[in-house]
Amino acid sequence: MLSLAQFLVTYISVRSVSFAAAVRSEPALLVRDGKFCERAMRRERVTKGEALSAIRASGNGRLDDVESLILESDGSLSVTLHS
């Protein structure tokens, strides 16, 4: 059943630009230069705790050192630190 649903979503999204836009997500910037992007975080339903956890997991616990935190299309969080 799940594979049928996945097939149908893929089939329709290849043929309809508006449907594809509705079901596919774009990467979202959640932190920029050490500051939370509050609107994006609310829209993507990511808490500050989850963002800080991803920053700690990257090997750094300081928000001030973060250049960007991006919610990727696959749901993972990518951290870029200031060099």
Protein backbone atom coordinates (compact mmCIF):
# COMPACT_ATOMS: atom_id res chain seq x y z
CA MET A 1 0.00 0.00 0.00
CA LEU A 2 2.78 2.42 0.94
CA SER A 3 4.71 1.70 -2.25
CA LEU A 4 1.56 2.39 -4.29
CA ALA A 5 1.12 5.76 -2.56
CA GLN A 6 4.79 6.60 -3.17
CA PHE A 7 4.43 5.65 -6.85
CA LEU A 8 1.32 7.81 -7.24
CA VAL A 9 2.93 10.85 -5.59
CA THR A 10 6.01 10.48 -7.80
CA TYR A 11 3.93 9.93 -10.93
CA ILE A 12 1.75 12.98 -10.34
CA SER A 13 4.61 15.24 -9.23
CA VAL A 14 6.52 14.54 -12.46
CA ARG A 15 3.49 15.65 -14.48
CA SER A 16 2.26 18.58 -12.38
CA VAL A 17 4.53 21.45 -11.35
CA SER A 18 2.06 22.77 -8.80
CA PHE A 19 1.63 19.34 -7.19
CA ALA A 20 5.40 18.85 -7.11
CA ALA A 21 5.84 22.21 -5.37
CA ALA A 22 3.25 21.21 -2.78
CA VAL A 23 4.86 17.88 -1.87
CA ARG A 24 8.57 18.73 -2.12
CA SER A 25 10.35 20.79 0.46
CA GLU A 26 13.14 23.27 -0.10
CA PRO A 27 16.06 23.74 2.29
CA ALA A 28 15.30 26.35 4.98
CA LEU A 29 17.77 28.67 6.73
CA LEU A 30 17.15 28.42 10.49
CA VAL A 31 20.20 30.23 11.91
CA ARG A 32 22.22 32.98 10.25
CA ASP A 33 25.35 34.50 11.79
CA GLY A 34 24.55 33.19 15.26
CA LYS A 35 20.93 34.38 15.29
CA PHE A 36 17.77 32.29 15.02
CA CYS A 37 15.51 32.93 12.03
CA GLU A 38 12.33 32.80 14.11
CA ARG A 39 9.84 32.90 11.23
CA ALA A 40 11.53 30.04 9.38
CA MET A 41 11.78 27.99 12.56
CA ARG A 42 8.05 28.38 13.22
CA ARG A 43 7.17 27.58 9.61
CA GLU A 44 9.36 24.46 9.63
CA ARG A 45 8.31 23.50 13.19
CA VAL A 46 11.86 23.30 14.53
CA THR A 47 12.44 24.25 18.17
CA LYS A 48 15.43 26.15 19.50
CA GLY A 49 16.29 23.03 21.49
CA GLU A 50 16.46 20.92 18.33
CA ALA A 51 18.60 23.57 16.61
CA LEU A 52 20.98 23.78 19.56
CA SER A 53 21.18 19.99 19.70
CA ALA A 54 22.27 19.89 16.04
CA ILE A 55 24.87 22.58 16.74
CA ARG A 56 26.26 20.57 19.68
CA ALA A 57 26.28 17.42 17.54
CA SER A 58 28.45 19.25 15.00
CA GLY A 59 31.14 19.54 17.65
CA ASN A 60 30.44 23.08 18.77
CA GLY A 61 28.05 24.24 21.46
CA ARG A 62 28.20 27.99 20.80
CA LEU A 63 25.44 29.61 18.75
CA ASP A 64 27.71 32.64 18.16
CA ASP A 65 30.12 30.46 16.14
CA VAL A 66 27.40 29.29 13.72
CA GLU A 67 27.39 30.88 10.28
CA SER A 68 24.30 28.94 9.18
CA LEU A 69 22.02 26.12 10.21
CA ILE A 70 19.98 24.69 7.36
CA LEU A 71 17.06 22.28 7.47
CA GLU A 72 17.73 20.14 4.40
CA SER A 73 15.05 18.66 2.14
CA ASP A 74 15.61 15.22 3.68
CA GLY A 75 14.97 16.54 7.20
CA SER A 76 18.59 16.64 8.35
CA LEU A 77 20.20 19.75 9.87
CA SER A 78 23.46 21.07 8.36
CA VAL A 79 25.70 23.33 10.43
CA THR A 80 28.28 25.70 8.96
CA LEU A 81 30.66 27.38 11.38
CA HIS A 82 32.47 30.70 10.95
CA SER A 83 36.04 30.05 9.84
